[in-house]
Amino acid sequence: MTIPINDIRNSTDPDISGSYYAMQHAGQAAIDLAIQTSAAIMTTVDSKIVRITAAKLIKQRQLTS
């Protein structure tokens, strides 16, 4: 995988480069909570706001595992 030059993971500041992984972790925690509570999440896909139900999140997780 090639990381673009302007990607925050390439920052010389460890706080900035580490924030990428912190955001990924927070997103995963939001998905976990949505599944546990049968809630939906709102996110963007192709610059459009979309609502993803817990059922769809479960299906997506099953497809990637």
C-alpha atoms as a PDB file:
ATOM      1  CA  MET A   1       0.000   0.000   0.000  1.00  0.00           C
ATOM      2  CA  THR A   2       1.385   3.391  -0.993  1.00  0.00           C
ATOM      3  CA  ILE A   3       0.601   6.283   1.332  1.00  0.00           C
ATOM      4  CA  PRO A   4       0.189   9.691  -0.375  1.00  0.00           C
ATOM      5  CA  ILE A   5       2.756  12.325   0.610  1.00  0.00           C
ATOM      6  CA  ASN A   6       0.131  14.650   2.092  1.00  0.00           C
ATOM      7  CA  ASP A   7      -1.335  11.858   4.253  1.00  0.00           C
ATOM      8  CA  ILE A   8      -1.299  12.705   7.981  1.00  0.00           C
ATOM      9  CA  ARG A   9       0.429   9.387   8.673  1.00  0.00           C
ATOM     10  CA  ASN A  10       3.543  10.927   7.082  1.00  0.00           C
ATOM     11  CA  SER A  11       3.629  13.874   9.491  1.00  0.00           C
ATOM     12  CA  THR A  12       6.830  14.393  11.457  1.00  0.00           C
ATOM     13  CA  ASP A  13       4.663  15.283  14.475  1.00  0.00           C
ATOM     14  CA  PRO A  14       3.878  12.005  16.269  1.00  0.00           C
ATOM     15  CA  ASP A  15       0.599  13.392  17.624  1.00  0.00           C
ATOM     16  CA  ILE A  16      -0.640  14.193  14.139  1.00  0.00           C
ATOM     17  CA  SER A  17       0.534  10.944  12.587  1.00  0.00           C
ATOM     18  CA  GLY A  18      -0.963   8.978  15.504  1.00  0.00           C
ATOM     19  CA  SER A  19      -4.296  10.757  15.153  1.00  0.00           C
ATOM     20  CA  TYR A  20      -5.034   8.732  12.009  1.00  0.00           C
ATOM     21  CA  TYR A  21      -5.079   5.514  14.013  1.00  0.00           C
ATOM     22  CA  ALA A  22      -7.014   7.174  16.847  1.00  0.00           C
ATOM     23  CA  MET A  23      -9.722   8.196  14.358  1.00  0.00           C
ATOM     24  CA  GLN A  24      -9.847   4.662  12.952  1.00  0.00           C
ATOM     25  CA  HIS A  25     -10.199   3.280  16.476  1.00  0.00           C
ATOM     26  CA  ALA A  26     -12.978   5.774  17.300  1.00  0.00           C
ATOM     27  CA  GLY A  27     -14.843   4.861  14.122  1.00  0.00           C
ATOM     28  CA  GLN A  28     -14.612   1.172  14.920  1.00  0.00           C
ATOM     29  CA  ALA A  29     -15.875   1.859  18.455  1.00  0.00           C
ATOM     30  CA  ALA A  30     -18.856   3.760  16.999  1.00  0.00           C
ATOM     31  CA  ILE A  31     -19.671   0.800  14.746  1.00  0.00           C
ATOM     32  CA  ASP A  32     -19.381  -1.621  17.681  1.00  0.00           C
ATOM     33  CA  LEU A  33     -21.741   0.521  19.771  1.00  0.00           C
ATOM     34  CA  ALA A  34     -24.235   0.869  16.920  1.00  0.00           C
ATOM     35  CA  ILE A  35     -24.309  -2.914  16.509  1.00  0.00           C
ATOM     36  CA  GLN A  36     -24.691  -3.513  20.260  1.00  0.00           C
ATOM     37  CA  THR A  37     -27.572  -1.036  20.537  1.00  0.00           C
ATOM     38  CA  SER A  38     -29.220  -1.785  17.166  1.00  0.00           C
ATOM     39  CA  ALA A  39     -28.664   1.810  16.121  1.00  0.00           C
ATOM     40  CA  ALA A  40     -27.549   3.292  12.827  1.00  0.00           C
ATOM     41  CA  ILE A  41     -24.517   5.439  12.096  1.00  0.00           C
ATOM     42  CA  MET A  42     -24.251   8.430   9.796  1.00  0.00           C
ATOM     43  CA  THR A  43     -21.165   8.679   7.615  1.00  0.00           C
ATOM     44  CA  THR A  44     -20.081   9.926   4.226  1.00  0.00           C
ATOM     45  CA  VAL A  45     -19.678   7.744   1.160  1.00  0.00           C
ATOM     46  CA  ASP A  46     -18.470   9.394  -2.040  1.00  0.00           C
ATOM     47  CA  SER A  47     -19.027  12.824  -0.431  1.00  0.00           C
ATOM     48  CA  LYS A  48     -22.676  12.010   0.357  1.00  0.00           C
ATOM     49  CA  ILE A  49     -24.142  11.602   3.828  1.00  0.00           C
ATOM     50  CA  VAL A  50     -25.549   8.109   4.284  1.00  0.00           C
ATOM     51  CA  ARG A  51     -27.263   6.257   7.117  1.00  0.00           C
ATOM     52  CA  ILE A  52     -26.050   2.703   7.721  1.00  0.00           C
ATOM     53  CA  THR A  53     -28.236   0.483   9.895  1.00  0.00           C
ATOM     54  CA  ALA A  54     -26.901  -1.978  12.445  1.00  0.00           C
ATOM     55  CA  ALA A  55     -28.071  -4.841  10.212  1.00  0.00           C
ATOM     56  CA  LYS A  56     -25.998  -3.499   7.310  1.00  0.00           C
ATOM     57  CA  LEU A  57     -23.007  -2.969   9.598  1.00  0.00           C
ATOM     58  CA  ILE A  58     -23.242  -6.592  10.714  1.00  0.00           C
ATOM     59  CA  LYS A  59     -23.395  -7.786   7.097  1.00  0.00           C
ATOM     60  CA  GLN A  60     -20.392  -5.616   6.164  1.00  0.00           C
ATOM     61  CA  ARG A  61     -18.431  -6.995   9.111  1.00  0.00           C
ATOM     62  CA  GLN A  62     -19.264 -10.583   8.127  1.00  0.00           C
ATOM     63  CA  LEU A  63     -18.105  -9.957   4.557  1.00  0.00           C
ATOM     64  CA  THR A  64     -14.744  -8.560   5.706  1.00  0.00           C
ATOM     65  CA  SER A  65     -13.973 -11.249   8.274  1.00  0.00           C
END
